[in-house]
Amino acid sequence: MCSIQPVTRNTKIRLARKLWPTAANNIVRGGATETLEGNWKPKRLVVLEFEGVQRAKDWWNSQEYRELKKMRQRTAHAKMIVVEGT
């Protein structure tokens, strides 16, 4: 799960086209959010489903994602976690 805030609209478009892996299912990518409890107000939320935590970590550390990750880190503010499902 990733809360991401692109610095500019152009950044948002470039990131959306390049970052998300083909090895995962896009569960949520963007869309309106509504805070039901607490003060969390993400600008943009992305939820990806991988076959498991290790697969998500493999993607995160992959050569394929390395350069794109650097670009994202320069052009957007993000918070990202991995959650083990059942």
N, C-alpha and C. Protein backbone atom coordinates (compact mmCIF):
# COMPACT_ATOMS: atom_id res chain seq x y z
N MET A 1 0.86 -1.16 0.00
CA MET A 1 0.00 0.00 0.00
C MET A 1 0.90 1.22 0.00
N CYS A 2 0.54 2.19 -0.79
CA CYS A 2 1.36 3.38 -0.94
C CYS A 2 0.49 4.62 -0.95
N SER A 3 0.83 5.56 -0.09
CA SER A 3 0.24 6.88 -0.12
C SER A 3 1.25 7.75 -0.85
N ILE A 4 0.84 8.33 -1.95
CA ILE A 4 1.79 9.07 -2.78
C ILE A 4 1.23 10.44 -3.14
N GLN A 5 2.10 11.43 -3.09
CA GLN A 5 1.72 12.79 -3.45
C GLN A 5 2.71 13.31 -4.48
N PRO A 6 2.37 13.21 -5.78
CA PRO A 6 3.25 13.76 -6.81
C PRO A 6 3.43 15.26 -6.63
N VAL A 7 4.59 15.74 -7.01
CA VAL A 7 4.90 17.16 -6.88
C VAL A 7 4.14 17.98 -7.92
N THR A 8 3.98 17.45 -9.12
CA THR A 8 3.25 18.14 -10.19
C THR A 8 2.32 17.18 -10.90
N ARG A 9 1.38 17.69 -11.64
CA ARG A 9 0.45 16.85 -12.40
C ARG A 9 1.20 16.01 -13.42
N ASN A 10 2.17 16.59 -14.12
CA ASN A 10 2.95 15.84 -15.10
C ASN A 10 3.65 14.66 -14.45
N THR A 11 4.15 14.87 -13.25
CA THR A 11 4.78 13.78 -12.51
C THR A 11 3.78 12.67 -12.28
N LYS A 12 2.57 13.02 -11.90
CA LYS A 12 1.53 12.03 -11.63
C LYS A 12 1.27 11.17 -12.85
N ILE A 13 1.17 11.78 -14.01
CA ILE A 13 0.91 11.04 -15.24
C ILE A 13 2.07 10.12 -15.57
N ARG A 14 3.30 10.62 -15.49
CA ARG A 14 4.47 9.78 -15.79
C ARG A 14 4.57 8.61 -14.83
N LEU A 15 4.35 8.87 -13.55
CA LEU A 15 4.46 7.79 -12.57
C LEU A 15 3.39 6.74 -12.80
N ALA A 16 2.18 7.17 -13.04
CA ALA A 16 1.08 6.22 -13.25
C ALA A 16 1.36 5.29 -14.42
N ARG A 17 1.98 5.80 -15.45
CA ARG A 17 2.25 4.99 -16.63
C ARG A 17 3.41 4.02 -16.45
N LYS A 18 4.36 4.35 -15.57
CA LYS A 18 5.60 3.57 -15.52
C LYS A 18 5.80 2.74 -14.26
N LEU A 19 5.27 3.15 -13.14
CA LEU A 19 5.71 2.56 -11.88
C LEU A 19 5.08 1.23 -11.51
N TRP A 20 3.84 1.05 -11.80
CA TRP A 20 3.16 -0.09 -11.22
C TRP A 20 3.48 -1.36 -11.97
N PRO A 21 3.85 -2.38 -11.24
CA PRO A 21 4.38 -3.61 -11.83
C PRO A 21 3.32 -4.46 -12.51
N THR A 22 3.77 -5.21 -13.48
CA THR A 22 2.87 -6.16 -14.14
C THR A 22 2.72 -7.41 -13.28
N ALA A 23 3.59 -7.59 -12.29
CA ALA A 23 3.55 -8.77 -11.41
C ALA A 23 2.52 -8.63 -10.30
N ALA A 24 1.81 -7.52 -10.26
CA ALA A 24 0.84 -7.29 -9.18
C ALA A 24 -0.51 -6.92 -9.77
N ASN A 25 -1.54 -7.17 -8.99
CA ASN A 25 -2.88 -6.72 -9.36
C ASN A 25 -3.10 -5.33 -8.76
N ASN A 26 -3.58 -4.42 -9.57
CA ASN A 26 -3.93 -3.08 -9.08
C ASN A 26 -5.30 -3.17 -8.42
N ILE A 27 -5.33 -3.06 -7.12
CA ILE A 27 -6.59 -3.09 -6.39
C ILE A 27 -7.18 -1.68 -6.34
N VAL A 28 -6.34 -0.70 -6.00
CA VAL A 28 -6.74 0.70 -5.95
C VAL A 28 -5.61 1.52 -6.55
N ARG A 29 -5.95 2.45 -7.40
CA ARG A 29 -4.95 3.39 -7.94
C ARG A 29 -5.63 4.73 -8.13
N GLY A 30 -5.44 5.59 -7.14
CA GLY A 30 -6.08 6.90 -7.19
C GLY A 30 -7.50 6.83 -6.68
N GLY A 31 -8.30 7.74 -7.10
CA GLY A 31 -9.69 7.77 -6.66
C GLY A 31 -9.86 8.59 -5.40
N ALA A 32 -11.07 8.94 -5.12
CA ALA A 32 -11.38 9.77 -3.95
C ALA A 32 -11.19 8.97 -2.67
N THR A 33 -10.68 9.63 -1.64
CA THR A 33 -10.56 9.01 -0.32
C THR A 33 -11.42 9.79 0.67
N GLU A 34 -11.87 9.10 1.69
CA GLU A 34 -12.65 9.73 2.75
C GLU A 34 -12.14 9.19 4.08
N THR A 35 -11.70 10.07 4.94
CA THR A 35 -11.19 9.66 6.25
C THR A 35 -12.36 9.36 7.17
N LEU A 36 -12.40 8.15 7.68
CA LEU A 36 -13.47 7.75 8.60
C LEU A 36 -13.05 7.89 10.05
N GLU A 37 -11.75 7.82 10.30
CA GLU A 37 -11.26 7.91 11.68
C GLU A 37 -9.84 8.44 11.67
N GLY A 38 -9.48 9.23 12.63
CA GLY A 38 -8.14 9.78 12.72
C GLY A 38 -7.95 10.97 11.79
N ASN A 39 -6.68 11.35 11.57
CA ASN A 39 -6.41 12.54 10.76
C ASN A 39 -5.62 12.22 9.49
N TRP A 40 -5.65 10.98 9.03
CA TRP A 40 -4.95 10.59 7.82
C TRP A 40 -5.73 11.09 6.61
N LYS A 41 -5.07 11.88 5.77
CA LYS A 41 -5.70 12.43 4.57
C LYS A 41 -4.77 12.24 3.37
N PRO A 42 -4.66 11.01 2.88
CA PRO A 42 -3.77 10.79 1.74
C PRO A 42 -4.28 11.51 0.50
N LYS A 43 -3.36 12.07 -0.28
CA LYS A 43 -3.72 12.74 -1.53
C LYS A 43 -4.04 11.71 -2.61
N ARG A 44 -3.27 10.63 -2.62
CA ARG A 44 -3.45 9.58 -3.62
C ARG A 44 -3.06 8.26 -2.96
N LEU A 45 -3.87 7.24 -3.11
CA LEU A 45 -3.61 5.96 -2.48
C LEU A 45 -3.53 4.87 -3.54
N VAL A 46 -2.54 4.01 -3.41
CA VAL A 46 -2.37 2.90 -4.33
C VAL A 46 -2.28 1.62 -3.51
N VAL A 47 -3.04 0.61 -3.90
CA VAL A 47 -2.96 -0.70 -3.26
C VAL A 47 -2.68 -1.72 -4.35
N LEU A 48 -1.57 -2.42 -4.19
CA LEU A 48 -1.17 -3.47 -5.13
C LEU A 48 -1.25 -4.80 -4.42
N GLU A 49 -1.67 -5.83 -5.13
CA GLU A 49 -1.73 -7.18 -4.57
C GLU A 49 -0.68 -8.04 -5.26
N PHE A 50 0.25 -8.57 -4.46
CA PHE A 50 1.27 -9.49 -4.95
C PHE A 50 0.94 -10.89 -4.47
N GLU A 51 1.63 -11.87 -5.00
CA GLU A 51 1.43 -13.25 -4.58
C GLU A 51 1.88 -13.48 -3.14
N GLY A 52 2.68 -12.59 -2.60
CA GLY A 52 3.13 -12.69 -1.23
C GLY A 52 4.07 -11.55 -0.89
N VAL A 53 4.42 -11.45 0.38
CA VAL A 53 5.31 -10.39 0.84
C VAL A 53 6.65 -10.46 0.13
N GLN A 54 7.20 -11.67 -0.02
CA GLN A 54 8.51 -11.80 -0.66
C GLN A 54 8.47 -11.32 -2.10
N ARG A 55 7.38 -11.59 -2.81
CA ARG A 55 7.25 -11.13 -4.20
C ARG A 55 7.21 -9.61 -4.25
N ALA A 56 6.55 -8.98 -3.31
CA ALA A 56 6.51 -7.51 -3.24
C ALA A 56 7.92 -6.96 -2.99
N LYS A 57 8.64 -7.59 -2.07
CA LYS A 57 10.01 -7.16 -1.78
C LYS A 57 10.93 -7.39 -2.97
N ASP A 58 10.73 -8.49 -3.67
CA ASP A 58 11.53 -8.76 -4.87
C ASP A 58 11.32 -7.67 -5.91
N TRP A 59 10.06 -7.25 -6.11
CA TRP A 59 9.76 -6.16 -7.04
C TRP A 59 10.41 -4.87 -6.56
N TRP A 60 10.27 -4.56 -5.26
CA TRP A 60 10.81 -3.33 -4.70
C TRP A 60 12.32 -3.24 -4.93
N ASN A 61 13.02 -4.37 -4.85
CA ASN A 61 14.47 -4.40 -4.99
C ASN A 61 14.94 -4.76 -6.40
N SER A 62 14.02 -4.91 -7.33
CA SER A 62 14.37 -5.38 -8.67
C SER A 62 15.10 -4.33 -9.50
N GLN A 63 15.88 -4.81 -10.44
CA GLN A 63 16.56 -3.94 -11.40
C GLN A 63 15.53 -3.16 -12.21
N GLU A 64 14.45 -3.82 -12.56
CA GLU A 64 13.38 -3.20 -13.35
C GLU A 64 12.81 -1.95 -12.67
N TYR A 65 12.68 -1.99 -11.35
CA TYR A 65 12.07 -0.90 -10.62
C TYR A 65 13.09 0.12 -10.12
N ARG A 66 14.35 -0.22 -10.07
CA ARG A 66 15.39 0.63 -9.45
C ARG A 66 15.39 2.06 -9.98
N GLU A 67 15.48 2.24 -11.29
CA GLU A 67 15.52 3.59 -11.87
C GLU A 67 14.20 4.32 -11.70
N LEU A 68 13.10 3.60 -11.85
CA LEU A 68 11.79 4.22 -11.66
C LEU A 68 11.59 4.65 -10.21
N LYS A 69 12.11 3.85 -9.28
CA LYS A 69 12.02 4.21 -7.87
C LYS A 69 12.79 5.50 -7.59
N LYS A 70 13.97 5.63 -8.19
CA LYS A 70 14.74 6.86 -8.02
C LYS A 70 13.96 8.06 -8.54
N MET A 71 13.32 7.91 -9.70
CA MET A 71 12.53 8.99 -10.28
C MET A 71 11.37 9.34 -9.34
N ARG A 72 10.68 8.34 -8.84
CA ARG A 72 9.56 8.59 -7.93
C ARG A 72 10.03 9.30 -6.67
N GLN A 73 11.15 8.87 -6.14
CA GLN A 73 11.65 9.48 -4.91
C GLN A 73 12.07 10.94 -5.11
N ARG A 74 12.46 11.30 -6.32
CA ARG A 74 12.81 12.69 -6.63
C ARG A 74 11.59 13.55 -6.90
N THR A 75 10.51 12.97 -7.37
CA THR A 75 9.40 13.76 -7.87
C THR A 75 8.09 13.62 -7.10
N ALA A 76 8.11 12.83 -6.04
CA ALA A 76 6.88 12.64 -5.27
C ALA A 76 7.22 12.33 -3.82
N HIS A 77 6.28 12.61 -2.95
CA HIS A 77 6.40 12.25 -1.54
C HIS A 77 5.56 10.99 -1.35
N ALA A 78 6.16 9.95 -0.75
CA ALA A 78 5.42 8.69 -0.61
C ALA A 78 5.68 8.06 0.75
N LYS A 79 4.69 7.28 1.17
CA LYS A 79 4.80 6.40 2.33
C LYS A 79 4.32 5.05 1.83
N MET A 80 5.12 4.00 2.08
CA MET A 80 4.79 2.70 1.51
C MET A 80 4.98 1.62 2.56
N ILE A 81 4.03 0.70 2.63
CA ILE A 81 4.14 -0.45 3.53
C ILE A 81 3.78 -1.71 2.76
N VAL A 82 4.20 -2.83 3.28
CA VAL A 82 3.77 -4.12 2.77
C VAL A 82 3.04 -4.82 3.91
N VAL A 83 1.92 -5.46 3.60
CA VAL A 83 1.10 -6.11 4.60
C VAL A 83 0.92 -7.56 4.19
N GLU A 84 1.16 -8.46 5.12
CA GLU A 84 0.95 -9.88 4.85
C GLU A 84 -0.53 -10.18 4.94
N GLY A 85 -1.06 -10.76 3.88
CA GLY A 85 -2.49 -11.10 3.86
C GLY A 85 -2.75 -12.51 4.37
N THR A 86 -4.01 -12.87 4.38
CA THR A 86 -4.38 -14.20 4.84
C THR A 86 -5.01 -14.99 3.72
